[in-house]
Amino acid sequence: MVVGGGGAREALSAYRALLRATRKSFAGDTLMLTQSAAEVRRKFEENREVSSEADVRRLVDEAREASDFISTMIVQAKLNSRGGFEVKPGKEHAGATLEIPSEESLAKSVQEPKIV
């Protein structure tokens, strides 16, 4: 984003917050860590030339909302030693409604990793 002073600092802060959120939410999942970091970078690069203060503000707000969403609404299921999946939400997920996918859909996603 081509913005002087505070706008550039805010954009960098939002970028870092998004990367921290993905690192925490996808800890231990190399594919998701790599793909999410690439997607965050791609989105910021896509908007590098934005110079309108209003547009920069909107984009920074969207990035912060995305960071909050990733931090509070995404919980990864982990394959346990019994062959099932476990979900361990943290305190940051308190009050959120969790949708727990079926064992069948989880098993399929492990075999065919996809990023939506």
PDB file of N, CA and C in Angstrom:
ATOM      1  N   MET A   1       0.839  -1.159   0.000  1.00  0.00           N
ATOM      2  CA  MET A   1       0.000   0.000   0.000  1.00  0.00           C
ATOM      3  C   MET A   1       0.893   1.233   0.000  1.00  0.00           C
ATOM      4  N   VAL A   2       0.646   2.113  -0.898  1.00  0.00           N
ATOM      5  CA  VAL A   2       1.457   3.312  -1.002  1.00  0.00           C
ATOM      6  C   VAL A   2       0.817   4.393  -0.146  1.00  0.00           C
ATOM      7  N   VAL A   3       1.202   4.418   1.106  1.00  0.00           N
ATOM      8  CA  VAL A   3       0.646   5.376   2.044  1.00  0.00           C
ATOM      9  C   VAL A   3       1.770   5.838   2.929  1.00  0.00           C
ATOM     10  N   GLY A   4       1.758   7.096   3.253  1.00  0.00           N
ATOM     11  CA  GLY A   4       2.808   7.607   4.118  1.00  0.00           C
ATOM     12  C   GLY A   4       2.469   7.418   5.579  1.00  0.00           C
ATOM     13  N   GLY A   5       3.514   7.373   6.391  1.00  0.00           N
ATOM     14  CA  GLY A   5       3.382   7.398   7.849  1.00  0.00           C
ATOM     15  C   GLY A   5       2.529   6.314   8.443  1.00  0.00           C
ATOM     16  N   GLY A   6       1.468   6.748   9.160  1.00  0.00           N
ATOM     17  CA  GLY A   6       0.640   5.853   9.943  1.00  0.00           C
ATOM     18  C   GLY A   6      -0.039   4.751   9.158  1.00  0.00           C
ATOM     19  N   GLY A   7      -0.485   5.041   7.944  1.00  0.00           N
ATOM     20  CA  GLY A   7      -1.161   4.025   7.135  1.00  0.00           C
ATOM     21  C   GLY A   7      -0.258   2.848   6.831  1.00  0.00           C
ATOM     22  N   ALA A   8       0.988   3.134   6.494  1.00  0.00           N
ATOM     23  CA  ALA A   8       1.944   2.059   6.196  1.00  0.00           C
ATOM     24  C   ALA A   8       2.238   1.251   7.456  1.00  0.00           C
ATOM     25  N   ARG A   9       2.378   1.936   8.584  1.00  0.00           N
ATOM     26  CA  ARG A   9       2.639   1.225   9.847  1.00  0.00           C
ATOM     27  C   ARG A   9       1.448   0.351  10.230  1.00  0.00           C
ATOM     28  N   GLU A  10       0.244   0.875  10.042  1.00  0.00           N
ATOM     29  CA  GLU A  10      -0.956   0.101  10.357  1.00  0.00           C
ATOM     30  C   GLU A  10      -1.076  -1.125   9.447  1.00  0.00           C
ATOM     31  N   ALA A  11      -0.754  -0.948   8.169  1.00  0.00           N
ATOM     32  CA  ALA A  11      -0.809  -2.069   7.232  1.00  0.00           C
ATOM     33  C   ALA A  11       0.206  -3.142   7.633  1.00  0.00           C
ATOM     34  N   LEU A  12       1.411  -2.726   7.987  1.00  0.00           N
ATOM     35  CA  LEU A  12       2.439  -3.677   8.413  1.00  0.00           C
ATOM     36  C   LEU A  12       2.008  -4.382   9.695  1.00  0.00           C
ATOM     37  N   SER A  13       1.424  -3.651  10.617  1.00  0.00           N
ATOM     38  CA  SER A  13       0.934  -4.234  11.867  1.00  0.00           C
ATOM     39  C   SER A  13      -0.159  -5.270  11.588  1.00  0.00           C
ATOM     40  N   ALA A  14      -1.090  -4.950  10.697  1.00  0.00           N
ATOM     41  CA  ALA A  14      -2.175  -5.874  10.343  1.00  0.00           C
ATOM     42  C   ALA A  14      -1.618  -7.109   9.647  1.00  0.00           C
ATOM     43  N   TYR A  15      -0.621  -6.918   8.786  1.00  0.00           N
ATOM     44  CA  TYR A  15       0.037  -8.027   8.084  1.00  0.00           C
ATOM     45  C   TYR A  15       0.678  -8.978   9.098  1.00  0.00           C
ATOM     46  N   ARG A  16       1.410  -8.419  10.041  1.00  0.00           N
ATOM     47  CA  ARG A  16       2.070  -9.246  11.057  1.00  0.00           C
ATOM     48  C   ARG A  16       1.055  -9.965  11.939  1.00  0.00           C
ATOM     49  N   ALA A  17      -0.035  -9.276  12.286  1.00  0.00           N
ATOM     50  CA  ALA A  17      -1.079  -9.897  13.109  1.00  0.00           C
ATOM     51  C   ALA A  17      -1.711 -11.079  12.388  1.00  0.00           C
ATOM     52  N   LEU A  18      -1.931 -10.931  11.093  1.00  0.00           N
ATOM     53  CA  LEU A  18      -2.480 -12.037  10.307  1.00  0.00           C
ATOM     54  C   LEU A  18      -1.527 -13.222  10.284  1.00  0.00           C
ATOM     55  N   LEU A  19      -0.247 -12.956  10.086  1.00  0.00           N
ATOM     56  CA  LEU A  19       0.730 -14.053  10.074  1.00  0.00           C
ATOM     57  C   LEU A  19       0.802 -14.734  11.441  1.00  0.00           C
ATOM     58  N   ARG A  20       0.764 -13.953  12.520  1.00  0.00           N
ATOM     59  CA  ARG A  20       0.770 -14.551  13.869  1.00  0.00           C
ATOM     60  C   ARG A  20      -0.462 -15.429  14.069  1.00  0.00           C
ATOM     61  N   ALA A  21      -1.611 -14.945  13.638  1.00  0.00           N
ATOM     62  CA  ALA A  21      -2.846 -15.711  13.790  1.00  0.00           C
ATOM     63  C   ALA A  21      -2.777 -17.027  13.033  1.00  0.00           C
ATOM     64  N   THR A  22      -2.238 -17.001  11.820  1.00  0.00           N
ATOM     65  CA  THR A  22      -2.144 -18.250  11.053  1.00  0.00           C
ATOM     66  C   THR A  22      -1.120 -19.193  11.681  1.00  0.00           C
ATOM     67  N   ARG A  23      -0.013 -18.647  12.180  1.00  0.00           N
ATOM     68  CA  ARG A  23       0.994 -19.514  12.826  1.00  0.00           C
ATOM     69  C   ARG A  23       0.423 -20.204  14.056  1.00  0.00           C
ATOM     70  N   LYS A  24      -0.388 -19.487  14.806  1.00  0.00           N
ATOM     71  CA  LYS A  24      -0.981 -20.078  16.009  1.00  0.00           C
ATOM     72  C   LYS A  24      -2.067 -21.087  15.642  1.00  0.00           C
ATOM     73  N   SER A  25      -2.955 -20.721  14.744  1.00  0.00           N
ATOM     74  CA  SER A  25      -4.070 -21.597  14.389  1.00  0.00           C
ATOM     75  C   SER A  25      -3.632 -22.848  13.651  1.00  0.00           C
ATOM     76  N   PHE A  26      -2.573 -22.736  12.861  1.00  0.00           N
ATOM     77  CA  PHE A  26      -2.137 -23.871  12.045  1.00  0.00           C
ATOM     78  C   PHE A  26      -0.819 -24.476  12.524  1.00  0.00           C
ATOM     79  N   ALA A  27      -0.485 -24.261  13.788  1.00  0.00           N
ATOM     80  CA  ALA A  27       0.765 -24.798  14.341  1.00  0.00           C
ATOM     81  C   ALA A  27       0.845 -26.307  14.100  1.00  0.00           C
ATOM     82  N   GLY A  28       1.972 -26.738  13.589  1.00  0.00           N
ATOM     83  CA  GLY A  28       2.181 -28.159  13.334  1.00  0.00           C
ATOM     84  C   GLY A  28       1.679 -28.640  11.989  1.00  0.00           C
ATOM     85  N   ASP A  29       1.030 -27.790  11.222  1.00  0.00           N
ATOM     86  CA  ASP A  29       0.497 -28.160   9.911  1.00  0.00           C
ATOM     87  C   ASP A  29       1.269 -27.382   8.847  1.00  0.00           C
ATOM     88  N   THR A  30       2.348 -27.974   8.390  1.00  0.00           N
ATOM     89  CA  THR A  30       3.252 -27.296   7.460  1.00  0.00           C
ATOM     90  C   THR A  30       2.542 -26.811   6.199  1.00  0.00           C
ATOM     91  N   LEU A  31       1.674 -27.634   5.651  1.00  0.00           N
ATOM     92  CA  LEU A  31       0.966 -27.246   4.425  1.00  0.00           C
ATOM     93  C   LEU A  31       0.119 -25.998   4.658  1.00  0.00           C
ATOM     94  N   MET A  32      -0.672 -25.997   5.715  1.00  0.00           N
ATOM     95  CA  MET A  32      -1.531 -24.839   5.983  1.00  0.00           C
ATOM     96  C   MET A  32      -0.712 -23.606   6.351  1.00  0.00           C
ATOM     97  N   LEU A  33       0.378 -23.793   7.083  1.00  0.00           N
ATOM     98  CA  LEU A  33       1.236 -22.651   7.419  1.00  0.00           C
ATOM     99  C   LEU A  33       1.791 -22.008   6.156  1.00  0.00           C
ATOM    100  N   THR A  34       2.292 -22.830   5.264  1.00  0.00           N
ATOM    101  CA  THR A  34       2.885 -22.337   4.017  1.00  0.00           C
ATOM    102  C   THR A  34       1.836 -21.679   3.133  1.00  0.00           C
ATOM    103  N   GLN A  35       0.712 -22.348   2.955  1.00  0.00           N
ATOM    104  CA  GLN A  35      -0.332 -21.834   2.066  1.00  0.00           C
ATOM    105  C   GLN A  35      -0.986 -20.571   2.622  1.00  0.00           C
ATOM    106  N   SER A  36      -1.221 -20.534   3.923  1.00  0.00           N
ATOM    107  CA  SER A  36      -1.867 -19.343   4.493  1.00  0.00           C
ATOM    108  C   SER A  36      -0.934 -18.136   4.433  1.00  0.00           C
ATOM    109  N   ALA A  37       0.355 -18.350   4.702  1.00  0.00           N
ATOM    110  CA  ALA A  37       1.318 -17.242   4.613  1.00  0.00           C
ATOM    111  C   ALA A  37       1.395 -16.728   3.178  1.00  0.00           C
ATOM    112  N   ALA A  38       1.372 -17.633   2.214  1.00  0.00           N
ATOM    113  CA  ALA A  38       1.414 -17.234   0.801  1.00  0.00           C
ATOM    114  C   ALA A  38       0.160 -16.450   0.424  1.00  0.00           C
ATOM    115  N   GLU A  39      -0.986 -16.869   0.940  1.00  0.00           N
ATOM    116  CA  GLU A  39      -2.244 -16.168   0.631  1.00  0.00           C
ATOM    117  C   GLU A  39      -2.273 -14.776   1.258  1.00  0.00           C
ATOM    118  N   VAL A  40      -1.810 -14.660   2.493  1.00  0.00           N
ATOM    119  CA  VAL A  40      -1.748 -13.348   3.144  1.00  0.00           C
ATOM    120  C   VAL A  40      -0.840 -12.429   2.338  1.00  0.00           C
ATOM    121  N   ARG A  41       0.320 -12.928   1.971  1.00  0.00           N
ATOM    122  CA  ARG A  41       1.276 -12.126   1.188  1.00  0.00           C
ATOM    123  C   ARG A  41       0.667 -11.705  -0.150  1.00  0.00           C
ATOM    124  N   ARG A  42      -0.007 -12.654  -0.821  1.00  0.00           N
ATOM    125  CA  ARG A  42      -0.616 -12.372  -2.133  1.00  0.00           C
ATOM    126  C   ARG A  42      -1.658 -11.257  -2.010  1.00  0.00           C
ATOM    127  N   LYS A  43      -2.493 -11.330  -0.963  1.00  0.00           N
ATOM    128  CA  LYS A  43      -3.532 -10.306  -0.788  1.00  0.00           C
ATOM    129  C   LYS A  43      -2.924  -8.927  -0.533  1.00  0.00           C
ATOM    130  N   PHE A  44      -1.873  -8.876   0.273  1.00  0.00           N
ATOM    131  CA  PHE A  44      -1.246  -7.582   0.540  1.00  0.00           C
ATOM    132  C   PHE A  44      -0.533  -7.060  -0.709  1.00  0.00           C
ATOM    133  N   GLU A  45       0.122  -7.939  -1.438  1.00  0.00           N
ATOM    134  CA  GLU A  45       0.790  -7.523  -2.685  1.00  0.00           C
ATOM    135  C   GLU A  45      -0.224  -7.018  -3.704  1.00  0.00           C
ATOM    136  N   GLU A  46      -1.369  -7.660  -3.746  1.00  0.00           N
ATOM    137  CA  GLU A  46      -2.445  -7.278  -4.658  1.00  0.00           C
ATOM    138  C   GLU A  46      -2.886  -5.832  -4.421  1.00  0.00           C
ATOM    139  N   ASN A  47      -2.757  -5.375  -3.193  1.00  0.00           N
ATOM    140  CA  ASN A  47      -3.211  -4.032  -2.831  1.00  0.00           C
ATOM    141  C   ASN A  47      -2.066  -3.064  -2.550  1.00  0.00           C
ATOM    142  N   ARG A  48      -0.884  -3.414  -2.992  1.00  0.00           N
ATOM    143  CA  ARG A  48       0.317  -2.602  -2.726  1.00  0.00           C
ATOM    144  C   ARG A  48       0.180  -1.162  -3.212  1.00  0.00           C
ATOM    145  N   GLU A  49      -0.469  -0.954  -4.331  1.00  0.00           N
ATOM    146  CA  GLU A  49      -0.552   0.381  -4.936  1.00  0.00           C
ATOM    147  C   GLU A  49      -1.736   1.215  -4.455  1.00  0.00           C
ATOM    148  N   VAL A  50      -2.515   0.686  -3.528  1.00  0.00           N
ATOM    149  CA  VAL A  50      -3.661   1.438  -3.013  1.00  0.00           C
ATOM    150  C   VAL A  50      -3.131   2.656  -2.266  1.00  0.00           C
ATOM    151  N   SER A  51      -3.653   3.824  -2.616  1.00  0.00           N
ATOM    152  CA  SER A  51      -3.145   5.043  -1.977  1.00  0.00           C
ATOM    153  C   SER A  51      -4.233   5.864  -1.291  1.00  0.00           C
ATOM    154  N   SER A  52      -5.469   5.602  -1.605  1.00  0.00           N
ATOM    155  CA  SER A  52      -6.563   6.341  -0.970  1.00  0.00           C
ATOM    156  C   SER A  52      -6.611   5.985   0.513  1.00  0.00           C
ATOM    157  N   GLU A  53      -6.626   7.003   1.344  1.00  0.00           N
ATOM    158  CA  GLU A  53      -6.643   6.778   2.793  1.00  0.00           C
ATOM    159  C   GLU A  53      -7.865   5.959   3.209  1.00  0.00           C
ATOM    160  N   ALA A  54      -9.005   6.219   2.600  1.00  0.00           N
ATOM    161  CA  ALA A  54     -10.233   5.483   2.924  1.00  0.00           C
ATOM    162  C   ALA A  54     -10.099   4.008   2.536  1.00  0.00           C
ATOM    163  N   ASP A  55      -9.521   3.752   1.366  1.00  0.00           N
ATOM    164  CA  ASP A  55      -9.331   2.374   0.917  1.00  0.00           C
ATOM    165  C   ASP A  55      -8.321   1.643   1.792  1.00  0.00           C
ATOM    166  N   VAL A  56      -7.259   2.331   2.173  1.00  0.00           N
ATOM    167  CA  VAL A  56      -6.257   1.724   3.049  1.00  0.00           C
ATOM    168  C   VAL A  56      -6.906   1.372   4.383  1.00  0.00           C
ATOM    169  N   ARG A  57      -7.675   2.284   4.933  1.00  0.00           N
ATOM    170  CA  ARG A  57      -8.368   2.045   6.209  1.00  0.00           C
ATOM    171  C   ARG A  57      -9.262   0.816   6.102  1.00  0.00           C
ATOM    172  N   ARG A  58     -10.029   0.731   5.011  1.00  0.00           N
ATOM    173  CA  ARG A  58     -10.935  -0.412   4.797  1.00  0.00           C
ATOM    174  C   ARG A  58     -10.146  -1.710   4.732  1.00  0.00           C
ATOM    175  N   LEU A  59      -9.046  -1.718   3.979  1.00  0.00           N
ATOM    176  CA  LEU A  59      -8.225  -2.925   3.834  1.00  0.00           C
ATOM    177  C   LEU A  59      -7.570  -3.334   5.156  1.00  0.00           C
ATOM    178  N   VAL A  60      -7.088  -2.362   5.915  1.00  0.00           N
ATOM    179  CA  VAL A  60      -6.488  -2.657   7.222  1.00  0.00           C
ATOM    180  C   VAL A  60      -7.557  -3.230   8.153  1.00  0.00           C
ATOM    181  N   ASP A  61      -8.755  -2.639   8.140  1.00  0.00           N
ATOM    182  CA  ASP A  61      -9.847  -3.155   8.970  1.00  0.00           C
ATOM    183  C   ASP A  61     -10.205  -4.586   8.568  1.00  0.00           C
ATOM    184  N   GLU A  62     -10.252  -4.864   7.268  1.00  0.00           N
ATOM    185  CA  GLU A  62     -10.539  -6.216   6.801  1.00  0.00           C
ATOM    186  C   GLU A  62      -9.457  -7.202   7.249  1.00  0.00           C
ATOM    187  N   ALA A  63      -8.212  -6.774   7.190  1.00  0.00           N
ATOM    188  CA  ALA A  63      -7.109  -7.640   7.625  1.00  0.00           C
ATOM    189  C   ALA A  63      -7.220  -7.931   9.116  1.00  0.00           C
ATOM    190  N   ARG A  64      -7.572  -6.938   9.896  1.00  0.00           N
ATOM    191  CA  ARG A  64      -7.733  -7.148  11.347  1.00  0.00           C
ATOM    192  C   ARG A  64      -8.909  -8.072  11.637  1.00  0.00           C
ATOM    193  N   GLU A  65      -9.995  -7.915  10.899  1.00  0.00           N
ATOM    194  CA  GLU A  65     -11.141  -8.810  11.065  1.00  0.00           C
ATOM    195  C   GLU A  65     -10.758 -10.240  10.708  1.00  0.00           C
ATOM    196  N   ALA A  66      -9.985 -10.404   9.644  1.00  0.00           N
ATOM    197  CA  ALA A  66      -9.530 -11.737   9.236  1.00  0.00           C
ATOM    198  C   ALA A  66      -8.655 -12.355  10.314  1.00  0.00           C
ATOM    199  N   SER A  67      -7.783 -11.557  10.897  1.00  0.00           N
ATOM    200  CA  SER A  67      -6.916 -12.028  11.968  1.00  0.00           C
ATOM    201  C   SER A  67      -7.749 -12.493  13.168  1.00  0.00           C
ATOM    202  N   ASP A  68      -8.743 -11.702  13.547  1.00  0.00           N
ATOM    203  CA  ASP A  68      -9.624 -12.078  14.652  1.00  0.00           C
ATOM    204  C   ASP A  68     -10.392 -13.357  14.325  1.00  0.00           C
ATOM    205  N   PHE A  69     -10.880 -13.452  13.102  1.00  0.00           N
ATOM    206  CA  PHE A  69     -11.629 -14.640  12.687  1.00  0.00           C
ATOM    207  C   PHE A  69     -10.743 -15.881  12.768  1.00  0.00           C
ATOM    208  N   ILE A  70      -9.556 -15.798  12.219  1.00  0.00           N
ATOM    209  CA  ILE A  70      -8.637 -16.944  12.234  1.00  0.00           C
ATOM    210  C   ILE A  70      -8.313 -17.344  13.671  1.00  0.00           C
ATOM    211  N   SER A  71      -8.089 -16.360  14.521  1.00  0.00           N
ATOM    212  CA  SER A  71      -7.714 -16.636  15.911  1.00  0.00           C
ATOM    213  C   SER A  71      -8.844 -17.253  16.732  1.00  0.00           C
ATOM    214  N   THR A  72     -10.074 -16.842  16.463  1.00  0.00           N
ATOM    215  CA  THR A  72     -11.181 -17.279  17.314  1.00  0.00           C
ATOM    216  C   THR A  72     -12.090 -18.328  16.694  1.00  0.00           C
ATOM    217  N   MET A  73     -12.111 -18.445  15.382  1.00  0.00           N
ATOM    218  CA  MET A  73     -13.079 -19.332  14.749  1.00  0.00           C
ATOM    219  C   MET A  73     -12.477 -20.576  14.100  1.00  0.00           C
ATOM    220  N   ILE A  74     -11.171 -20.672  14.061  1.00  0.00           N
ATOM    221  CA  ILE A  74     -10.547 -21.839  13.439  1.00  0.00           C
ATOM    222  C   ILE A  74      -9.846 -22.660  14.509  1.00  0.00           C
ATOM    223  N   VAL A  75     -10.228 -23.919  14.579  1.00  0.00           N
ATOM    224  CA  VAL A  75      -9.584 -24.874  15.469  1.00  0.00           C
ATOM    225  C   VAL A  75      -9.292 -26.096  14.614  1.00  0.00           C
ATOM    226  N   GLN A  76      -8.050 -26.522  14.622  1.00  0.00           N
ATOM    227  CA  GLN A  76      -7.703 -27.681  13.808  1.00  0.00           C
ATOM    228  C   GLN A  76      -7.946 -28.972  14.569  1.00  0.00           C
ATOM    229  N   ALA A  77      -8.493 -29.932  13.873  1.00  0.00           N
ATOM    230  CA  ALA A  77      -8.648 -31.275  14.430  1.00  0.00           C
ATOM    231  C   ALA A  77      -7.330 -32.002  14.215  1.00  0.00           C
ATOM    232  N   LYS A  78      -6.919 -32.757  15.216  1.00  0.00           N
ATOM    233  CA  LYS A  78      -5.664 -33.500  15.129  1.00  0.00           C
ATOM    234  C   LYS A  78      -5.969 -34.986  15.208  1.00  0.00           C
ATOM    235  N   LEU A  79      -5.292 -35.757  14.382  1.00  0.00           N
ATOM    236  CA  LEU A  79      -5.424 -37.205  14.386  1.00  0.00           C
ATOM    237  C   LEU A  79      -4.778 -37.738  15.652  1.00  0.00           C
ATOM    238  N   ASN A  80      -5.524 -38.540  16.421  1.00  0.00           N
ATOM    239  CA  ASN A  80      -4.957 -39.081  17.655  1.00  0.00           C
ATOM    240  C   ASN A  80      -4.441 -40.500  17.432  1.00  0.00           C
ATOM    241  N   SER A  81      -3.851 -41.085  18.450  1.00  0.00           N
ATOM    242  CA  SER A  81      -3.235 -42.412  18.335  1.00  0.00           C
ATOM    243  C   SER A  81      -4.261 -43.524  18.129  1.00  0.00           C
ATOM    244  N   ARG A  82      -5.530 -43.247  18.420  1.00  0.00           N
ATOM    245  CA  ARG A  82      -6.589 -44.243  18.231  1.00  0.00           C
ATOM    246  C   ARG A  82      -7.190 -44.182  16.830  1.00  0.00           C
ATOM    247  N   GLY A  83      -6.709 -43.264  16.005  1.00  0.00           N
ATOM    248  CA  GLY A  83      -7.217 -43.138  14.645  1.00  0.00           C
ATOM    249  C   GLY A  83      -8.386 -42.183  14.511  1.00  0.00           C
ATOM    250  N   GLY A  84      -8.770 -41.532  15.596  1.00  0.00           N
ATOM    251  CA  GLY A  84      -9.848 -40.551  15.560  1.00  0.00           C
ATOM    252  C   GLY A  84      -9.267 -39.147  15.545  1.00  0.00           C
ATOM    253  N   PHE A  85     -10.136 -38.182  15.506  1.00  0.00           N
ATOM    254  CA  PHE A  85      -9.718 -36.785  15.493  1.00  0.00           C
ATOM    255  C   PHE A  85     -10.160 -36.103  16.773  1.00  0.00           C
ATOM    256  N   GLU A  86      -9.314 -35.241  17.296  1.00  0.00           N
ATOM    257  CA  GLU A  86      -9.614 -34.491  18.501  1.00  0.00           C
ATOM    258  C   GLU A  86      -9.555 -33.001  18.196  1.00  0.00           C
ATOM    259  N   VAL A  87     -10.479 -32.280  18.803  1.00  0.00           N
ATOM    260  CA  VAL A  87     -10.506 -30.826  18.684  1.00  0.00           C
ATOM    261  C   VAL A  87     -10.361 -30.276  20.096  1.00  0.00           C
ATOM    262  N   LYS A  88      -9.371 -29.428  20.282  1.00  0.00           N
ATOM    263  CA  LYS A  88      -9.138 -28.832  21.595  1.00  0.00           C
ATOM    264  C   LYS A  88      -9.182 -27.311  21.477  1.00  0.00           C
ATOM    265  N   PRO A  89     -10.389 -26.751  21.604  1.00  0.00           N
ATOM    266  CA  PRO A  89     -10.482 -25.288  21.540  1.00  0.00           C
ATOM    267  C   PRO A  89      -9.806 -24.645  22.744  1.00  0.00           C
ATOM    268  N   GLY A  90      -9.200 -23.498  22.528  1.00  0.00           N
ATOM    269  CA  GLY A  90      -8.545 -22.753  23.594  1.00  0.00           C
ATOM    270  C   GLY A  90      -9.464 -21.700  24.166  1.00  0.00           C
ATOM    271  N   LYS A  91      -8.952 -20.956  25.141  1.00  0.00           N
ATOM    272  CA  LYS A  91      -9.776 -19.923  25.795  1.00  0.00           C
ATOM    273  C   LYS A  91     -10.194 -18.830  24.815  1.00  0.00           C
ATOM    274  N   GLU A  92      -9.396 -18.615  23.748  1.00  0.00           N
ATOM    275  CA  GLU A  92      -9.769 -17.597  22.757  1.00  0.00           C
ATOM    276  C   GLU A  92     -11.001 -17.990  21.958  1.00  0.00           C
ATOM    277  N   HIS A  93     -11.405 -19.264  22.052  1.00  0.00           N
ATOM    278  CA  HIS A  93     -12.588 -19.735  21.328  1.00  0.00           C
ATOM    279  C   HIS A  93     -13.842 -19.718  22.205  1.00  0.00           C
ATOM    280  N   ALA A  94     -13.711 -19.277  23.447  1.00  0.00           N
ATOM    281  CA  ALA A  94     -14.846 -19.265  24.383  1.00  0.00           C
ATOM    282  C   ALA A  94     -16.003 -18.462  23.801  1.00  0.00           C
ATOM    283  N   GLY A  95     -17.171 -19.040  23.850  1.00  0.00           N
ATOM    284  CA  GLY A  95     -18.371 -18.370  23.364  1.00  0.00           C
ATOM    285  C   GLY A  95     -18.630 -18.567  21.883  1.00  0.00           C
ATOM    286  N   ALA A  96     -17.665 -19.113  21.166  1.00  0.00           N
ATOM    287  CA  ALA A  96     -17.847 -19.338  19.731  1.00  0.00           C
ATOM    288  C   ALA A  96     -18.625 -20.635  19.518  1.00  0.00           C
ATOM    289  N   THR A  97     -19.363 -20.688  18.444  1.00  0.00           N
ATOM    290  CA  THR A  97     -20.061 -21.902  18.070  1.00  0.00           C
ATOM    291  C   THR A  97     -19.136 -22.689  17.156  1.00  0.00           C
ATOM    292  N   LEU A  98     -18.782 -23.879  17.586  1.00  0.00           N
ATOM    293  CA  LEU A  98     -17.878 -24.701  16.793  1.00  0.00           C
ATOM    294  C   LEU A  98     -18.661 -25.696  15.963  1.00  0.00           C
ATOM    295  N   GLU A  99     -18.322 -25.782  14.701  1.00  0.00           N
ATOM    296  CA  GLU A  99     -18.890 -26.809  13.833  1.00  0.00           C
ATOM    297  C   GLU A  99     -17.850 -27.903  13.741  1.00  0.00           C
ATOM    298  N   ILE A 100     -18.195 -29.066  14.231  1.00  0.00           N
ATOM    299  CA  ILE A 100     -17.253 -30.173  14.213  1.00  0.00           C
ATOM    300  C   ILE A 100     -17.608 -31.069  13.043  1.00  0.00           C
ATOM    301  N   PRO A 101     -16.684 -31.201  12.081  1.00  0.00           N
ATOM    302  CA  PRO A 101     -16.960 -32.028  10.914  1.00  0.00           C
ATOM    303  C   PRO A 101     -16.999 -33.509  11.291  1.00  0.00           C
ATOM    304  N   SER A 102     -17.622 -34.277  10.445  1.00  0.00           N
ATOM    305  CA  SER A 102     -17.713 -35.717  10.682  1.00  0.00           C
ATOM    306  C   SER A 102     -16.343 -36.374  10.524  1.00  0.00           C
ATOM    307  N   GLU A 103     -16.182 -37.533  11.129  1.00  0.00           N
ATOM    308  CA  GLU A 103     -14.931 -38.299  10.999  1.00  0.00           C
ATOM    309  C   GLU A 103     -14.632 -38.566   9.519  1.00  0.00           C
ATOM    310  N   GLU A 104     -15.675 -38.848   8.750  1.00  0.00           N
ATOM    311  CA  GLU A 104     -15.508 -39.151   7.327  1.00  0.00           C
ATOM    312  C   GLU A 104     -14.927 -37.957   6.565  1.00  0.00           C
ATOM    313  N   SER A 105     -15.467 -36.769   6.807  1.00  0.00           N
ATOM    314  CA  SER A 105     -14.959 -35.597   6.090  1.00  0.00           C
ATOM    315  C   SER A 105     -13.555 -35.243   6.549  1.00  0.00           C
ATOM    316  N   LEU A 106     -13.249 -35.452   7.831  1.00  0.00           N
ATOM    317  CA  LEU A 106     -11.888 -35.197   8.318  1.00  0.00           C
ATOM    318  C   LEU A 106     -10.892 -36.167   7.679  1.00  0.00           C
ATOM    319  N   ALA A 107     -11.262 -37.439   7.627  1.00  0.00           N
ATOM    320  CA  ALA A 107     -10.370 -38.434   7.032  1.00  0.00           C
ATOM    321  C   ALA A 107     -10.109 -38.112   5.567  1.00  0.00           C
ATOM    322  N   LYS A 108     -11.135 -37.678   4.867  1.00  0.00           N
ATOM    323  CA  LYS A 108     -10.989 -37.323   3.454  1.00  0.00           C
ATOM    324  C   LYS A 108     -10.070 -36.114   3.288  1.00  0.00           C
ATOM    325  N   SER A 109     -10.198 -35.121   4.179  1.00  0.00           N
ATOM    326  CA  SER A 109      -9.370 -33.923   4.066  1.00  0.00           C
ATOM    327  C   SER A 109      -7.907 -34.230   4.367  1.00  0.00           C
ATOM    328  N   VAL A 110      -7.646 -35.211   5.204  1.00  0.00           N
ATOM    329  CA  VAL A 110      -6.260 -35.601   5.493  1.00  0.00           C
ATOM    330  C   VAL A 110      -5.637 -36.233   4.255  1.00  0.00           C
ATOM    331  N   GLN A 111      -6.436 -36.999   3.509  1.00  0.00           N
ATOM    332  CA  GLN A 111      -5.941 -37.651   2.301  1.00  0.00           C
ATOM    333  C   GLN A 111      -5.778 -36.664   1.152  1.00  0.00           C
ATOM    334  N   GLU A 112      -6.658 -35.700   1.052  1.00  0.00           N
ATOM    335  CA  GLU A 112      -6.655 -34.735  -0.046  1.00  0.00           C
ATOM    336  C   GLU A 112      -6.630 -33.326   0.493  1.00  0.00           C
ATOM    337  N   PRO A 113      -5.453 -32.825   0.935  1.00  0.00           N
ATOM    338  CA  PRO A 113      -5.422 -31.464   1.495  1.00  0.00           C
ATOM    339  C   PRO A 113      -5.794 -30.421   0.452  1.00  0.00           C
ATOM    340  N   LYS A 114      -6.677 -29.520   0.861  1.00  0.00           N
ATOM    341  CA  LYS A 114      -7.130 -28.444  -0.031  1.00  0.00           C
ATOM    342  C   LYS A 114      -7.209 -27.166   0.762  1.00  0.00           C
ATOM    343  N   ILE A 115      -6.988 -26.067   0.089  1.00  0.00           N
ATOM    344  CA  ILE A 115      -7.171 -24.741   0.698  1.00  0.00           C
ATOM    345  C   ILE A 115      -8.274 -24.063  -0.057  1.00  0.00           C
ATOM    346  N   VAL A 116      -9.239 -23.593   0.695  1.00  0.00           N
ATOM    347  CA  VAL A 116     -10.397 -22.935   0.078  1.00  0.00           C
ATOM    348  C   VAL A 116     -10.244 -21.447   0.245  1.00  0.00           C
TER     349      VAL A 116
END
